[in-house]
Amino acid sequence: MKKEKRLLGEIDSWLETALIDEDTVTALKGLYFQKKNVNYLLVLFSIIGALILAGLFALGALFAYLRKVEEKLAPKAEELVWRRDVERVAYVTVRAKNGELVVSGLYLDGVAIEDTLRNE
């Protein structure tokens, strides 16, 4: 911004000293001080598109996780969690979206319950 003000001052001083004429001043100001046009609508729709795409990837990941957890493993997982040793740590990971919580994983001692069930 300082450079622009300085250049404007220089151009005006050149006009005052008759070094350049009014047409040249107009041409110089048009050349160096063009308004930068930003298409805000394009930027807005690009951001919205990126968010939709990210949401679709998240949904795909969620559906892939749900397909991994088979219904027949659920009773075994529940028994394993509730009848575990006191030393074993059980926790879930939860994700929130629009005020709703979804369990995204169940872990025993840092190992996913699916892996624990497969190894037993």
N, C-alpha and C. Protein backbone atom coordinates (compact mmCIF):
# COMPACT_ATOMS: atom_id res chain seq x y z
N MET A 1 0.82 -1.18 0.00
CA MET A 1 0.00 0.00 0.00
C MET A 1 0.87 1.25 0.00
N LYS A 2 1.97 1.22 0.74
CA LYS A 2 2.86 2.38 0.78
C LYS A 2 3.46 2.65 -0.59
N LYS A 3 3.83 1.55 -1.28
CA LYS A 3 4.42 1.70 -2.60
C LYS A 3 3.42 2.31 -3.58
N GLU A 4 2.16 1.90 -3.46
CA GLU A 4 1.13 2.43 -4.34
C GLU A 4 0.93 3.92 -4.11
N LYS A 5 0.86 4.33 -2.84
CA LYS A 5 0.69 5.76 -2.53
C LYS A 5 1.89 6.56 -3.02
N ARG A 6 3.07 6.00 -2.84
CA ARG A 6 4.28 6.70 -3.30
C ARG A 6 4.26 6.86 -4.82
N LEU A 7 3.90 5.80 -5.53
CA LEU A 7 3.85 5.86 -6.99
C LEU A 7 2.78 6.84 -7.46
N LEU A 8 1.62 6.85 -6.78
CA LEU A 8 0.60 7.83 -7.13
C LEU A 8 1.12 9.25 -6.95
N GLY A 9 1.84 9.49 -5.85
CA GLY A 9 2.43 10.81 -5.63
C GLY A 9 3.43 11.18 -6.71
N GLU A 10 4.23 10.22 -7.11
CA GLU A 10 5.21 10.46 -8.17
C GLU A 10 4.52 10.80 -9.49
N ILE A 11 3.49 10.03 -9.81
CA ILE A 11 2.78 10.28 -11.07
C ILE A 11 2.16 11.68 -11.06
N ASP A 12 1.56 12.06 -9.93
CA ASP A 12 0.97 13.40 -9.82
C ASP A 12 2.04 14.48 -9.92
N SER A 13 3.20 14.25 -9.34
CA SER A 13 4.28 15.25 -9.43
C SER A 13 4.80 15.36 -10.86
N TRP A 14 4.84 14.28 -11.59
CA TRP A 14 5.27 14.31 -12.99
C TRP A 14 4.29 15.13 -13.82
N LEU A 15 2.98 15.01 -13.47
CA LEU A 15 1.97 15.79 -14.18
C LEU A 15 2.13 17.27 -13.88
N GLU A 16 2.38 17.60 -12.61
CA GLU A 16 2.53 19.00 -12.22
C GLU A 16 3.75 19.65 -12.88
N THR A 17 4.80 18.90 -13.05
CA THR A 17 6.01 19.44 -13.68
C THR A 17 5.98 19.32 -15.20
N ALA A 18 4.83 18.88 -15.72
CA ALA A 18 4.62 18.75 -17.17
C ALA A 18 5.57 17.73 -17.80
N LEU A 19 6.04 16.81 -16.99
CA LEU A 19 6.89 15.75 -17.52
C LEU A 19 6.05 14.77 -18.36
N ILE A 20 4.80 14.57 -17.92
CA ILE A 20 3.86 13.73 -18.66
C ILE A 20 2.53 14.47 -18.78
N ASP A 21 1.70 14.04 -19.72
CA ASP A 21 0.39 14.69 -19.89
C ASP A 21 -0.70 13.87 -19.21
N GLU A 22 -1.94 14.39 -19.26
CA GLU A 22 -3.07 13.77 -18.57
C GLU A 22 -3.38 12.37 -19.11
N ASP A 23 -3.23 12.17 -20.41
CA ASP A 23 -3.48 10.85 -21.00
C ASP A 23 -2.51 9.81 -20.46
N THR A 24 -1.25 10.20 -20.30
CA THR A 24 -0.25 9.28 -19.77
C THR A 24 -0.53 8.96 -18.31
N VAL A 25 -0.99 9.97 -17.55
CA VAL A 25 -1.35 9.74 -16.14
C VAL A 25 -2.47 8.71 -16.06
N THR A 26 -3.49 8.88 -16.90
CA THR A 26 -4.61 7.94 -16.92
C THR A 26 -4.14 6.54 -17.29
N ALA A 27 -3.26 6.46 -18.28
CA ALA A 27 -2.75 5.16 -18.71
C ALA A 27 -1.93 4.49 -17.61
N LEU A 28 -1.07 5.27 -16.94
CA LEU A 28 -0.24 4.72 -15.86
C LEU A 28 -1.09 4.25 -14.68
N LYS A 29 -2.07 5.07 -14.29
CA LYS A 29 -2.92 4.69 -13.16
C LYS A 29 -3.76 3.45 -13.51
N GLY A 30 -4.21 3.37 -14.76
CA GLY A 30 -4.96 2.20 -15.19
C GLY A 30 -4.10 0.96 -15.22
N LEU A 31 -2.82 1.15 -15.56
CA LEU A 31 -1.90 0.01 -15.66
C LEU A 31 -1.50 -0.52 -14.28
N TYR A 32 -1.18 0.39 -13.35
CA TYR A 32 -0.66 -0.03 -12.05
C TYR A 32 -1.72 -0.17 -10.96
N PHE A 33 -2.88 0.43 -11.15
CA PHE A 33 -3.87 0.44 -10.06
C PHE A 33 -5.21 -0.11 -10.52
N GLN A 34 -5.16 -1.22 -11.25
CA GLN A 34 -6.40 -1.87 -11.66
C GLN A 34 -7.03 -2.54 -10.44
N LYS A 35 -8.32 -2.44 -10.35
CA LYS A 35 -9.03 -3.09 -9.26
C LYS A 35 -8.95 -4.60 -9.48
N LYS A 36 -8.56 -5.30 -8.45
CA LYS A 36 -8.45 -6.75 -8.53
C LYS A 36 -9.83 -7.35 -8.38
N ASN A 37 -10.27 -8.03 -9.42
CA ASN A 37 -11.59 -8.65 -9.41
C ASN A 37 -11.48 -10.07 -8.86
N VAL A 38 -12.17 -10.31 -7.77
CA VAL A 38 -12.22 -11.63 -7.19
C VAL A 38 -13.64 -12.12 -7.34
N ASN A 39 -13.78 -13.26 -7.92
CA ASN A 39 -15.11 -13.84 -8.10
C ASN A 39 -15.48 -14.55 -6.80
N TYR A 40 -16.13 -13.82 -5.90
CA TYR A 40 -16.48 -14.36 -4.60
C TYR A 40 -17.49 -15.50 -4.70
N LEU A 41 -18.33 -15.45 -5.70
CA LEU A 41 -19.29 -16.53 -5.88
C LEU A 41 -18.59 -17.84 -6.22
N LEU A 42 -17.58 -17.76 -7.07
CA LEU A 42 -16.80 -18.95 -7.41
C LEU A 42 -16.08 -19.50 -6.18
N VAL A 43 -15.50 -18.61 -5.38
CA VAL A 43 -14.81 -19.03 -4.16
C VAL A 43 -15.80 -19.69 -3.19
N LEU A 44 -16.97 -19.08 -3.04
CA LEU A 44 -17.98 -19.63 -2.13
C LEU A 44 -18.43 -21.02 -2.56
N PHE A 45 -18.74 -21.19 -3.85
CA PHE A 45 -19.18 -22.50 -4.32
C PHE A 45 -18.05 -23.52 -4.28
N SER A 46 -16.82 -23.09 -4.45
CA SER A 46 -15.69 -24.02 -4.33
C SER A 46 -15.57 -24.54 -2.91
N ILE A 47 -15.74 -23.67 -1.94
CA ILE A 47 -15.66 -24.08 -0.53
C ILE A 47 -16.82 -25.02 -0.19
N ILE A 48 -18.02 -24.67 -0.64
CA ILE A 48 -19.18 -25.53 -0.38
C ILE A 48 -18.98 -26.90 -1.02
N GLY A 49 -18.47 -26.92 -2.25
CA GLY A 49 -18.21 -28.20 -2.92
C GLY A 49 -17.18 -29.04 -2.18
N ALA A 50 -16.13 -28.38 -1.68
CA ALA A 50 -15.11 -29.11 -0.93
C ALA A 50 -15.69 -29.69 0.36
N LEU A 51 -16.55 -28.93 1.03
CA LEU A 51 -17.17 -29.44 2.26
C LEU A 51 -18.10 -30.62 1.97
N ILE A 52 -18.85 -30.54 0.88
CA ILE A 52 -19.73 -31.66 0.51
C ILE A 52 -18.90 -32.90 0.20
N LEU A 53 -17.82 -32.71 -0.54
CA LEU A 53 -16.96 -33.83 -0.89
C LEU A 53 -16.35 -34.46 0.36
N ALA A 54 -15.90 -33.62 1.31
CA ALA A 54 -15.34 -34.14 2.56
C ALA A 54 -16.41 -34.91 3.34
N GLY A 55 -17.65 -34.41 3.33
CA GLY A 55 -18.75 -35.11 4.00
C GLY A 55 -19.02 -36.46 3.38
N LEU A 56 -18.94 -36.54 2.05
CA LEU A 56 -19.15 -37.83 1.39
C LEU A 56 -18.06 -38.83 1.74
N PHE A 57 -16.81 -38.35 1.82
CA PHE A 57 -15.73 -39.24 2.22
C PHE A 57 -15.94 -39.73 3.65
N ALA A 58 -16.40 -38.84 4.54
CA ALA A 58 -16.65 -39.23 5.93
C ALA A 58 -17.77 -40.27 6.00
N LEU A 59 -18.82 -40.08 5.22
CA LEU A 59 -19.90 -41.07 5.20
C LEU A 59 -19.41 -42.42 4.70
N GLY A 60 -18.58 -42.38 3.67
CA GLY A 60 -18.02 -43.63 3.15
C GLY A 60 -17.20 -44.35 4.19
N ALA A 61 -16.41 -43.60 4.96
CA ALA A 61 -15.61 -44.21 6.01
C ALA A 61 -16.49 -44.81 7.11
N LEU A 62 -17.56 -44.10 7.45
CA LEU A 62 -18.47 -44.61 8.47
C LEU A 62 -19.14 -45.90 8.01
N PHE A 63 -19.62 -45.92 6.78
CA PHE A 63 -20.26 -47.12 6.27
C PHE A 63 -19.28 -48.29 6.19
N ALA A 64 -18.05 -48.01 5.84
CA ALA A 64 -17.03 -49.07 5.80
C ALA A 64 -16.80 -49.64 7.20
N TYR A 65 -16.77 -48.75 8.21
CA TYR A 65 -16.58 -49.21 9.59
C TYR A 65 -17.77 -50.07 10.03
N LEU A 66 -18.98 -49.62 9.72
CA LEU A 66 -20.16 -50.37 10.14
C LEU A 66 -20.23 -51.74 9.46
N ARG A 67 -19.76 -51.83 8.22
CA ARG A 67 -19.75 -53.12 7.54
C ARG A 67 -18.76 -54.07 8.18
N LYS A 68 -17.67 -53.52 8.77
CA LYS A 68 -16.66 -54.37 9.40
C LYS A 68 -17.21 -55.05 10.65
N VAL A 69 -18.03 -54.35 11.39
CA VAL A 69 -18.56 -54.90 12.64
C VAL A 69 -19.76 -55.79 12.30
N GLU A 70 -19.57 -57.05 12.44
CA GLU A 70 -20.64 -57.99 12.11
C GLU A 70 -21.56 -58.16 13.31
N GLU A 71 -22.83 -58.35 13.02
CA GLU A 71 -23.82 -58.52 14.09
C GLU A 71 -23.53 -59.72 14.97
N LYS A 72 -22.99 -60.78 14.40
CA LYS A 72 -22.73 -61.98 15.20
C LYS A 72 -21.59 -61.76 16.19
N LEU A 73 -20.74 -60.75 15.94
CA LEU A 73 -19.65 -60.47 16.87
C LEU A 73 -20.10 -59.57 18.03
N ALA A 74 -21.24 -58.91 17.88
CA ALA A 74 -21.69 -57.97 18.91
C ALA A 74 -21.87 -58.62 20.28
N PRO A 75 -22.54 -59.77 20.40
CA PRO A 75 -22.68 -60.38 21.74
C PRO A 75 -21.33 -60.76 22.35
N LYS A 76 -20.42 -61.27 21.52
CA LYS A 76 -19.08 -61.62 22.03
C LYS A 76 -18.34 -60.37 22.50
N ALA A 77 -18.48 -59.29 21.75
CA ALA A 77 -17.82 -58.04 22.13
C ALA A 77 -18.38 -57.52 23.45
N GLU A 78 -19.69 -57.57 23.60
CA GLU A 78 -20.32 -57.09 24.82
C GLU A 78 -19.85 -57.92 26.03
N GLU A 79 -19.82 -59.22 25.87
CA GLU A 79 -19.37 -60.09 26.96
C GLU A 79 -17.91 -59.81 27.30
N LEU A 80 -17.10 -59.63 26.28
CA LEU A 80 -15.68 -59.36 26.50
C LEU A 80 -15.46 -58.05 27.26
N VAL A 81 -16.25 -57.05 26.94
CA VAL A 81 -16.10 -55.75 27.61
C VAL A 81 -16.58 -55.81 29.05
N TRP A 82 -17.74 -56.40 29.29
CA TRP A 82 -18.31 -56.40 30.63
C TRP A 82 -17.63 -57.40 31.56
N ARG A 83 -17.03 -58.45 31.05
CA ARG A 83 -16.39 -59.44 31.90
C ARG A 83 -14.87 -59.35 31.85
N ARG A 84 -14.36 -58.21 31.49
CA ARG A 84 -12.91 -58.03 31.38
C ARG A 84 -12.27 -57.89 32.76
N ASP A 85 -10.96 -58.08 32.81
CA ASP A 85 -10.21 -57.84 34.04
C ASP A 85 -10.24 -56.35 34.36
N VAL A 86 -10.12 -56.06 35.64
CA VAL A 86 -10.15 -54.66 36.07
C VAL A 86 -8.97 -53.88 35.48
N GLU A 87 -7.86 -54.54 35.24
CA GLU A 87 -6.68 -53.87 34.72
C GLU A 87 -6.83 -53.45 33.25
N ARG A 88 -7.72 -54.12 32.53
CA ARG A 88 -7.89 -53.81 31.11
C ARG A 88 -8.73 -52.54 30.96
N VAL A 89 -8.29 -51.68 30.10
CA VAL A 89 -8.98 -50.41 29.87
C VAL A 89 -9.86 -50.54 28.64
N ALA A 90 -11.12 -50.18 28.79
CA ALA A 90 -12.06 -50.18 27.67
C ALA A 90 -12.52 -48.75 27.43
N TYR A 91 -12.55 -48.35 26.15
CA TYR A 91 -13.04 -47.01 25.82
C TYR A 91 -13.59 -47.00 24.39
N VAL A 92 -14.37 -45.98 24.10
CA VAL A 92 -14.92 -45.81 22.75
C VAL A 92 -14.44 -44.47 22.20
N THR A 93 -14.39 -44.41 20.88
CA THR A 93 -14.16 -43.13 20.22
C THR A 93 -15.49 -42.67 19.67
N VAL A 94 -15.75 -41.38 19.82
CA VAL A 94 -17.04 -40.81 19.44
C VAL A 94 -16.80 -39.63 18.52
N ARG A 95 -17.61 -39.49 17.52
CA ARG A 95 -17.55 -38.34 16.62
C ARG A 95 -18.87 -37.60 16.72
N ALA A 96 -18.79 -36.28 16.60
CA ALA A 96 -19.99 -35.46 16.68
C ALA A 96 -20.21 -34.73 15.37
N LYS A 97 -21.48 -34.67 14.96
CA LYS A 97 -21.84 -33.91 13.77
C LYS A 97 -23.25 -33.39 13.97
N ASN A 98 -23.40 -32.10 13.81
CA ASN A 98 -24.72 -31.46 13.95
C ASN A 98 -25.38 -31.81 15.27
N GLY A 99 -24.60 -31.90 16.32
CA GLY A 99 -25.14 -32.15 17.65
C GLY A 99 -25.45 -33.60 17.95
N GLU A 100 -25.18 -34.52 17.03
CA GLU A 100 -25.42 -35.94 17.27
C GLU A 100 -24.09 -36.66 17.44
N LEU A 101 -24.05 -37.62 18.35
CA LEU A 101 -22.85 -38.39 18.61
C LEU A 101 -22.97 -39.77 17.99
N VAL A 102 -21.88 -40.24 17.41
CA VAL A 102 -21.83 -41.56 16.80
C VAL A 102 -20.58 -42.27 17.31
N VAL A 103 -20.76 -43.50 17.79
CA VAL A 103 -19.61 -44.29 18.23
C VAL A 103 -18.87 -44.76 16.99
N SER A 104 -17.58 -44.42 16.92
CA SER A 104 -16.81 -44.80 15.73
C SER A 104 -15.84 -45.94 16.01
N GLY A 105 -15.67 -46.32 17.28
CA GLY A 105 -14.79 -47.43 17.59
C GLY A 105 -14.85 -47.82 19.04
N LEU A 106 -14.62 -49.10 19.31
CA LEU A 106 -14.58 -49.63 20.67
C LEU A 106 -13.23 -50.30 20.84
N TYR A 107 -12.53 -49.97 21.92
CA TYR A 107 -11.16 -50.45 22.11
C TYR A 107 -10.98 -51.07 23.49
N LEU A 108 -10.16 -52.12 23.53
CA LEU A 108 -9.73 -52.73 24.78
C LEU A 108 -8.21 -52.64 24.83
N ASP A 109 -7.71 -51.95 25.81
CA ASP A 109 -6.26 -51.74 25.95
C ASP A 109 -5.64 -51.19 24.67
N GLY A 110 -6.34 -50.29 24.02
CA GLY A 110 -5.82 -49.64 22.82
C GLY A 110 -5.93 -50.45 21.55
N VAL A 111 -6.56 -51.62 21.60
CA VAL A 111 -6.73 -52.47 20.42
C VAL A 111 -8.20 -52.49 20.06
N ALA A 112 -8.50 -52.30 18.77
CA ALA A 112 -9.89 -52.30 18.32
C ALA A 112 -10.55 -53.63 18.68
N ILE A 113 -11.83 -53.55 19.06
CA ILE A 113 -12.55 -54.75 19.51
C ILE A 113 -12.61 -55.81 18.40
N GLU A 114 -12.66 -55.36 17.15
CA GLU A 114 -12.68 -56.32 16.03
C GLU A 114 -11.40 -57.15 16.01
N ASP A 115 -10.28 -56.49 16.22
CA ASP A 115 -8.99 -57.20 16.23
C ASP A 115 -8.89 -58.12 17.44
N THR A 116 -9.39 -57.67 18.57
CA THR A 116 -9.35 -58.48 19.78
C THR A 116 -10.18 -59.75 19.59
N LEU A 117 -11.37 -59.62 18.99
CA LEU A 117 -12.23 -60.78 18.76
C LEU A 117 -11.62 -61.75 17.75
N ARG A 118 -10.97 -61.23 16.74
CA ARG A 118 -10.34 -62.10 15.74
C ARG A 118 -9.19 -62.90 16.35
N ASN A 119 -8.47 -62.30 17.31
CA ASN A 119 -7.30 -62.96 17.91
C ASN A 119 -7.68 -63.95 19.00
N GLU A 120 -8.91 -63.91 19.48
CA GLU A 120 -9.31 -64.83 20.56
C GLU A 120 -9.87 -66.11 20.03
